[in-house]
């Protein structure tokens, strides 16, 4: 079975620790920056995320690139 991807979208995600849950796990708030080029390298995305984090009063605890695509079976 062959599968194809379409509608690829990438997001730069910054996550900030904002406290703890009642179970003791870290609670995060996130900020997503959409329309990142799907072919952007992980190094470039990290560099931009780090630069943005450095401008904020609260530093990001996690910098991530999230890739999403629709999957369809090829005929």
PDB file of N, CA and C in Angstrom:
ATOM      1  N   UNK A   1       0.854  -1.181   0.000  1.00  0.00           N
ATOM      2  CA  UNK A   1       0.000   0.000   0.000  1.00  0.00           C
ATOM      3  C   UNK A   1       0.895   1.238   0.000  1.00  0.00           C
ATOM      4  N   UNK A   2       0.706   2.096  -0.974  1.00  0.00           N
ATOM      5  CA  UNK A   2       1.457   3.344  -1.055  1.00  0.00           C
ATOM      6  C   UNK A   2       0.629   4.474  -0.460  1.00  0.00           C
ATOM      7  N   UNK A   3       1.307   5.342   0.239  1.00  0.00           N
ATOM      8  CA  UNK A   3       0.646   6.479   0.889  1.00  0.00           C
ATOM      9  C   UNK A   3       1.339   7.758   0.452  1.00  0.00           C
ATOM     10  N   UNK A   4       0.551   8.777   0.167  1.00  0.00           N
ATOM     11  CA  UNK A   4       1.111  10.075  -0.197  1.00  0.00           C
ATOM     12  C   UNK A   4       0.756  11.114   0.862  1.00  0.00           C
ATOM     13  N   UNK A   5       1.605  12.154   0.941  1.00  0.00           N
ATOM     14  CA  UNK A   5       1.370  13.276   1.859  1.00  0.00           C
ATOM     15  C   UNK A   5       0.894  14.481   1.069  1.00  0.00           C
ATOM     16  N   UNK A   6       0.009  15.249   1.663  1.00  0.00           N
ATOM     17  CA  UNK A   6      -0.425  16.514   1.063  1.00  0.00           C
ATOM     18  C   UNK A   6      -0.698  17.515   2.173  1.00  0.00           C
ATOM     19  N   UNK A   7      -0.786  18.768   1.812  1.00  0.00           N
ATOM     20  CA  UNK A   7      -1.081  19.854   2.757  1.00  0.00           C
ATOM     21  C   UNK A   7      -0.085  19.870   3.923  1.00  0.00           C
ATOM     22  N   UNK A   8       1.215  19.788   3.608  1.00  0.00           N
ATOM     23  CA  UNK A   8       2.230  19.798   4.662  1.00  0.00           C
ATOM     24  C   UNK A   8       2.298  21.179   5.312  1.00  0.00           C
ATOM     25  N   UNK A   9       2.295  21.183   6.627  1.00  0.00           N
ATOM     26  CA  UNK A   9       2.362  22.415   7.408  1.00  0.00           C
ATOM     27  C   UNK A   9       3.381  22.197   8.520  1.00  0.00           C
ATOM     28  N   UNK A  10       4.218  23.199   8.765  1.00  0.00           N
ATOM     29  CA  UNK A  10       5.163  23.129   9.873  1.00  0.00           C
ATOM     30  C   UNK A  10       4.920  24.280  10.828  1.00  0.00           C
ATOM     31  N   UNK A  11       5.159  24.016  12.109  1.00  0.00           N
ATOM     32  CA  UNK A  11       4.919  24.990  13.165  1.00  0.00           C
ATOM     33  C   UNK A  11       6.148  25.037  14.064  1.00  0.00           C
ATOM     34  N   UNK A  12       6.571  26.245  14.442  1.00  0.00           N
ATOM     35  CA  UNK A  12       7.588  26.423  15.471  1.00  0.00           C
ATOM     36  C   UNK A  12       6.836  26.559  16.784  1.00  0.00           C
ATOM     37  N   UNK A  13       7.126  25.661  17.733  1.00  0.00           N
ATOM     38  CA  UNK A  13       6.411  25.652  19.009  1.00  0.00           C
ATOM     39  C   UNK A  13       7.373  25.957  20.148  1.00  0.00           C
ATOM     40  N   UNK A  14       7.029  26.974  20.950  1.00  0.00           N
ATOM     41  CA  UNK A  14       7.762  27.307  22.167  1.00  0.00           C
ATOM     42  C   UNK A  14       6.896  26.906  23.349  1.00  0.00           C
ATOM     43  N   UNK A  15       7.482  26.163  24.293  1.00  0.00           N
ATOM     44  CA  UNK A  15       6.739  25.743  25.481  1.00  0.00           C
ATOM     45  C   UNK A  15       7.402  26.340  26.720  1.00  0.00           C
ATOM     46  N   UNK A  16       6.566  26.876  27.610  1.00  0.00           N
ATOM     47  CA  UNK A  16       7.025  27.533  28.825  1.00  0.00           C
ATOM     48  C   UNK A  16       6.438  26.835  30.046  1.00  0.00           C
ATOM     49  N   UNK A  17       7.276  26.492  31.001  1.00  0.00           N
ATOM     50  CA  UNK A  17       6.794  25.903  32.255  1.00  0.00           C
ATOM     51  C   UNK A  17       6.107  26.997  33.059  1.00  0.00           C
ATOM     52  N   UNK A  18       4.862  26.719  33.488  1.00  0.00           N
ATOM     53  CA  UNK A  18       4.092  27.739  34.218  1.00  0.00           C
ATOM     54  C   UNK A  18       3.637  27.245  35.584  1.00  0.00           C
ATOM     55  N   UNK A  19       4.117  26.093  35.991  1.00  0.00           N
ATOM     56  CA  UNK A  19       3.725  25.571  37.296  1.00  0.00           C
ATOM     57  C   UNK A  19       3.642  24.060  37.273  1.00  0.00           C
ATOM     58  N   UNK A  20       2.893  23.528  38.213  1.00  0.00           N
ATOM     59  CA  UNK A  20       2.730  22.082  38.330  1.00  0.00           C
ATOM     60  C   UNK A  20       1.261  21.719  38.396  1.00  0.00           C
ATOM     61  N   UNK A  21       0.971  20.514  37.896  1.00  0.00           N
ATOM     62  CA  UNK A  21      -0.384  19.994  38.012  1.00  0.00           C
ATOM     63  C   UNK A  21      -0.564  19.432  39.418  1.00  0.00           C
ATOM     64  N   UNK A  22      -1.786  19.068  39.758  1.00  0.00           N
ATOM     65  CA  UNK A  22      -2.043  18.489  41.078  1.00  0.00           C
ATOM     66  C   UNK A  22      -1.310  17.166  41.261  1.00  0.00           C
ATOM     67  N   UNK A  23      -0.957  16.505  40.152  1.00  0.00           N
ATOM     68  CA  UNK A  23      -0.218  15.252  40.215  1.00  0.00           C
ATOM     69  C   UNK A  23       1.287  15.438  40.273  1.00  0.00           C
ATOM     70  N   UNK A  24       1.744  16.690  40.247  1.00  0.00           N
ATOM     71  CA  UNK A  24       3.175  16.971  40.336  1.00  0.00           C
ATOM     72  C   UNK A  24       3.894  17.068  39.005  1.00  0.00           C
ATOM     73  N   UNK A  25       3.174  16.908  37.886  1.00  0.00           N
ATOM     74  CA  UNK A  25       3.793  17.048  36.567  1.00  0.00           C
ATOM     75  C   UNK A  25       3.935  18.529  36.217  1.00  0.00           C
ATOM     76  N   UNK A  26       4.896  18.829  35.354  1.00  0.00           N
ATOM     77  CA  UNK A  26       5.093  20.220  34.924  1.00  0.00           C
ATOM     78  C   UNK A  26       3.943  20.622  34.012  1.00  0.00           C
ATOM     79  N   UNK A  27       3.423  21.807  34.242  1.00  0.00           N
ATOM     80  CA  UNK A  27       2.344  22.365  33.439  1.00  0.00           C
ATOM     81  C   UNK A  27       2.977  23.360  32.467  1.00  0.00           C
ATOM     82  N   UNK A  28       2.640  23.234  31.170  1.00  0.00           N
ATOM     83  CA  UNK A  28       3.225  24.087  30.144  1.00  0.00           C
ATOM     84  C   UNK A  28       2.185  24.980  29.491  1.00  0.00           C
ATOM     85  N   UNK A  29       2.644  26.136  29.059  1.00  0.00           N
ATOM     86  CA  UNK A  29       1.880  27.003  28.179  1.00  0.00           C
ATOM     87  C   UNK A  29       2.679  27.015  26.879  1.00  0.00           C
ATOM     88  N   UNK A  30       1.997  27.036  25.746  1.00  0.00           N
ATOM     89  CA  UNK A  30       2.737  27.010  24.493  1.00  0.00           C
ATOM     90  C   UNK A  30       2.371  28.177  23.598  1.00  0.00           C
ATOM     91  N   UNK A  31       3.304  28.519  22.739  1.00  0.00           N
ATOM     92  CA  UNK A  31       3.100  29.563  21.737  1.00  0.00           C
ATOM     93  C   UNK A  31       3.508  28.964  20.400  1.00  0.00           C
ATOM     94  N   UNK A  32       2.599  28.936  19.440  1.00  0.00           N
ATOM     95  CA  UNK A  32       2.880  28.376  18.125  1.00  0.00           C
ATOM     96  C   UNK A  32       3.057  29.478  17.099  1.00  0.00           C
ATOM     97  N   UNK A  33       4.063  29.332  16.269  1.00  0.00           N
ATOM     98  CA  UNK A  33       4.294  30.238  15.151  1.00  0.00           C
ATOM     99  C   UNK A  33       4.082  29.411  13.895  1.00  0.00           C
ATOM    100  N   UNK A  34       3.035  29.734  13.171  1.00  0.00           N
ATOM    101  CA  UNK A  34       2.616  28.927  12.025  1.00  0.00           C
ATOM    102  C   UNK A  34       3.306  29.384  10.741  1.00  0.00           C
ATOM    103  N   UNK A  35       3.087  28.608   9.697  1.00  0.00           N
ATOM    104  CA  UNK A  35       3.575  28.896   8.345  1.00  0.00           C
ATOM    105  C   UNK A  35       5.090  28.842   8.225  1.00  0.00           C
ATOM    106  N   UNK A  36       5.728  27.995   9.035  1.00  0.00           N
ATOM    107  CA  UNK A  36       7.157  27.749   8.880  1.00  0.00           C
ATOM    108  C   UNK A  36       7.337  26.915   7.611  1.00  0.00           C
ATOM    109  N   UNK A  37       8.335  27.232   6.827  1.00  0.00           N
ATOM    110  CA  UNK A  37       8.582  26.453   5.617  1.00  0.00           C
ATOM    111  C   UNK A  37       8.810  24.993   5.982  1.00  0.00           C
ATOM    112  N   UNK A  38       8.139  24.105   5.285  1.00  0.00           N
ATOM    113  CA  UNK A  38       8.243  22.674   5.589  1.00  0.00           C
ATOM    114  C   UNK A  38       9.669  22.163   5.402  1.00  0.00           C
ATOM    115  N   UNK A  39      10.431  22.794   4.525  1.00  0.00           N
ATOM    116  CA  UNK A  39      11.800  22.338   4.276  1.00  0.00           C
ATOM    117  C   UNK A  39      12.837  23.079   5.133  1.00  0.00           C
ATOM    118  N   UNK A  40      12.375  23.882   6.095  1.00  0.00           N
ATOM    119  CA  UNK A  40      13.319  24.572   6.999  1.00  0.00           C
ATOM    120  C   UNK A  40      14.079  23.526   7.812  1.00  0.00           C
ATOM    121  N   UNK A  41      15.377  23.730   7.961  1.00  0.00           N
ATOM    122  CA  UNK A  41      16.181  22.752   8.700  1.00  0.00           C
ATOM    123  C   UNK A  41      15.909  22.873  10.196  1.00  0.00           C
ATOM    124  N   UNK A  42      16.152  21.792  10.911  1.00  0.00           N
ATOM    125  CA  UNK A  42      15.954  21.810  12.355  1.00  0.00           C
ATOM    126  C   UNK A  42      16.893  22.808  13.021  1.00  0.00           C
ATOM    127  N   UNK A  43      18.095  22.998  12.461  1.00  0.00           N
ATOM    128  CA  UNK A  43      19.047  23.968  13.016  1.00  0.00           C
ATOM    129  C   UNK A  43      18.523  25.392  12.872  1.00  0.00           C
ATOM    130  N   UNK A  44      17.945  25.714  11.706  1.00  0.00           N
ATOM    131  CA  UNK A  44      17.396  27.052  11.479  1.00  0.00           C
ATOM    132  C   UNK A  44      16.192  27.321  12.376  1.00  0.00           C
ATOM    133  N   UNK A  45      15.307  26.329  12.486  1.00  0.00           N
ATOM    134  CA  UNK A  45      14.122  26.491  13.326  1.00  0.00           C
ATOM    135  C   UNK A  45      14.537  26.681  14.786  1.00  0.00           C
ATOM    136  N   UNK A  46      15.503  25.893  15.242  1.00  0.00           N
ATOM    137  CA  UNK A  46      15.981  26.024  16.622  1.00  0.00           C
ATOM    138  C   UNK A  46      16.600  27.402  16.848  1.00  0.00           C
ATOM    139  N   UNK A  47      17.408  27.878  15.891  1.00  0.00           N
ATOM    140  CA  UNK A  47      18.052  29.183  16.029  1.00  0.00           C
ATOM    141  C   UNK A  47      17.020  30.304  16.154  1.00  0.00           C
ATOM    142  N   UNK A  48      15.978  30.233  15.358  1.00  0.00           N
ATOM    143  CA  UNK A  48      14.919  31.252  15.434  1.00  0.00           C
ATOM    144  C   UNK A  48      14.174  31.137  16.761  1.00  0.00           C
ATOM    145  N   UNK A  49      13.850  29.916  17.165  1.00  0.00           N
ATOM    146  CA  UNK A  49      13.174  29.713  18.448  1.00  0.00           C
ATOM    147  C   UNK A  49      14.005  30.227  19.613  1.00  0.00           C
ATOM    148  N   UNK A  50      15.307  29.957  19.577  1.00  0.00           N
ATOM    149  CA  UNK A  50      16.213  30.420  20.635  1.00  0.00           C
ATOM    150  C   UNK A  50      16.277  31.940  20.651  1.00  0.00           C
ATOM    151  N   UNK A  51      16.387  32.552  19.471  1.00  0.00           N
ATOM    152  CA  UNK A  51      16.438  34.018  19.386  1.00  0.00           C
ATOM    153  C   UNK A  51      15.150  34.641  19.936  1.00  0.00           C
ATOM    154  N   UNK A  52      14.006  34.066  19.605  1.00  0.00           N
ATOM    155  CA  UNK A  52      12.741  34.582  20.137  1.00  0.00           C
ATOM    156  C   UNK A  52      12.682  34.395  21.649  1.00  0.00           C
ATOM    157  N   UNK A  53      13.100  33.238  22.108  1.00  0.00           N
ATOM    158  CA  UNK A  53      13.095  32.961  23.545  1.00  0.00           C
ATOM    159  C   UNK A  53      13.968  33.957  24.302  1.00  0.00           C
ATOM    160  N   UNK A  54      15.120  34.290  23.719  1.00  0.00           N
ATOM    161  CA  UNK A  54      16.045  35.230  24.363  1.00  0.00           C
ATOM    162  C   UNK A  54      15.459  36.635  24.477  1.00  0.00           C
ATOM    163  N   UNK A  55      14.489  36.966  23.635  1.00  0.00           N
ATOM    164  CA  UNK A  55      13.853  38.291  23.688  1.00  0.00           C
ATOM    165  C   UNK A  55      12.755  38.380  24.750  1.00  0.00           C
ATOM    166  N   UNK A  56      12.309  37.243  25.242  1.00  0.00           N
ATOM    167  CA  UNK A  56      11.202  37.212  26.190  1.00  0.00           C
ATOM    168  C   UNK A  56      11.701  37.216  27.627  1.00  0.00           C
ATOM    169  N   UNK A  57      10.875  37.717  28.524  1.00  0.00           N
ATOM    170  CA  UNK A  57      11.243  37.721  29.941  1.00  0.00           C
ATOM    171  C   UNK A  57      11.304  36.309  30.500  1.00  0.00           C
ATOM    172  N   UNK A  58      10.415  35.436  30.034  1.00  0.00           N
ATOM    173  CA  UNK A  58      10.413  34.034  30.451  1.00  0.00           C
ATOM    174  C   UNK A  58      10.988  33.218  29.316  1.00  0.00           C
ATOM    175  N   UNK A  59      12.068  32.507  29.556  1.00  0.00           N
ATOM    176  CA  UNK A  59      12.715  31.696  28.525  1.00  0.00           C
ATOM    177  C   UNK A  59      11.883  30.445  28.227  1.00  0.00           C
ATOM    178  N   UNK A  60      11.895  30.035  26.975  1.00  0.00           N
ATOM    179  CA  UNK A  60      11.202  28.804  26.576  1.00  0.00           C
ATOM    180  C   UNK A  60      11.957  27.602  27.128  1.00  0.00           C
ATOM    181  N   UNK A  61      11.228  26.637  27.659  1.00  0.00           N
ATOM    182  CA  UNK A  61      11.819  25.403  28.161  1.00  0.00           C
ATOM    183  C   UNK A  61      11.973  24.370  27.051  1.00  0.00           C
ATOM    184  N   UNK A  62      11.123  24.470  26.030  1.00  0.00           N
ATOM    185  CA  UNK A  62      11.162  23.534  24.908  1.00  0.00           C
ATOM    186  C   UNK A  62      10.996  24.332  23.614  1.00  0.00           C
ATOM    187  N   UNK A  63      11.842  24.032  22.634  1.00  0.00           N
ATOM    188  CA  UNK A  63      11.724  24.588  21.288  1.00  0.00           C
ATOM    189  C   UNK A  63      11.514  23.397  20.365  1.00  0.00           C
ATOM    190  N   UNK A  64      10.421  23.410  19.588  1.00  0.00           N
ATOM    191  CA  UNK A  64      10.107  22.255  18.753  1.00  0.00           C
ATOM    192  C   UNK A  64       9.644  22.687  17.371  1.00  0.00           C
ATOM    193  N   UNK A  65       9.896  21.821  16.394  1.00  0.00           N
ATOM    194  CA  UNK A  65       9.322  21.968  15.060  1.00  0.00           C
ATOM    195  C   UNK A  65       8.321  20.841  14.904  1.00  0.00           C
ATOM    196  N   UNK A  66       7.080  21.184  14.642  1.00  0.00           N
ATOM    197  CA  UNK A  66       6.011  20.194  14.499  1.00  0.00           C
ATOM    198  C   UNK A  66       5.587  20.168  13.032  1.00  0.00           C
ATOM    199  N   UNK A  67       5.715  18.998  12.406  1.00  0.00           N
ATOM    200  CA  UNK A  67       5.324  18.828  11.009  1.00  0.00           C
ATOM    201  C   UNK A  67       4.012  18.060  10.954  1.00  0.00           C
ATOM    202  N   UNK A  68       3.072  18.576  10.167  1.00  0.00           N
ATOM    203  CA  UNK A  68       1.785  17.919   9.988  1.00  0.00           C
ATOM    204  C   UNK A  68       1.521  17.749   8.500  1.00  0.00           C
ATOM    205  N   UNK A  69       0.884  16.654   8.151  1.00  0.00           N
ATOM    206  CA  UNK A  69       0.515  16.414   6.752  1.00  0.00           C
ATOM    207  C   UNK A  69      -0.712  15.513   6.724  1.00  0.00           C
ATOM    208  N   UNK A  70      -1.525  15.671   5.695  1.00  0.00           N
ATOM    209  CA  UNK A  70      -2.637  14.770   5.454  1.00  0.00           C
ATOM    210  C   UNK A  70      -2.080  13.546   4.726  1.00  0.00           C
ATOM    211  N   UNK A  71      -2.487  12.372   5.153  1.00  0.00           N
ATOM    212  CA  UNK A  71      -2.036  11.128   4.516  1.00  0.00           C
ATOM    213  C   UNK A  71      -3.195  10.510   3.753  1.00  0.00           C
ATOM    214  N   UNK A  72      -2.895  10.071   2.518  1.00  0.00           N
ATOM    215  CA  UNK A  72      -3.920   9.449   1.689  1.00  0.00           C
ATOM    216  C   UNK A  72      -3.342   8.228   0.988  1.00  0.00           C
ATOM    217  N   UNK A  73      -4.155   7.216   0.843  1.00  0.00           N
ATOM    218  CA  UNK A  73      -3.725   6.017   0.124  1.00  0.00           C
ATOM    219  C   UNK A  73      -3.659   6.324  -1.367  1.00  0.00           C
ATOM    220  N   UNK A  74      -2.539   5.970  -1.989  1.00  0.00           N
ATOM    221  CA  UNK A  74      -2.373   6.171  -3.430  1.00  0.00           C
ATOM    222  C   UNK A  74      -3.036   5.030  -4.167  1.00  0.00           C
ATOM    223  N   UNK A  75      -3.636   5.342  -5.265  1.00  0.00           N
ATOM    224  CA  UNK A  75      -4.300   4.308  -6.080  1.00  0.00           C
ATOM    225  C   UNK A  75      -3.399   3.876  -7.202  1.00  0.00           C
TER     226      UNK A  75
END
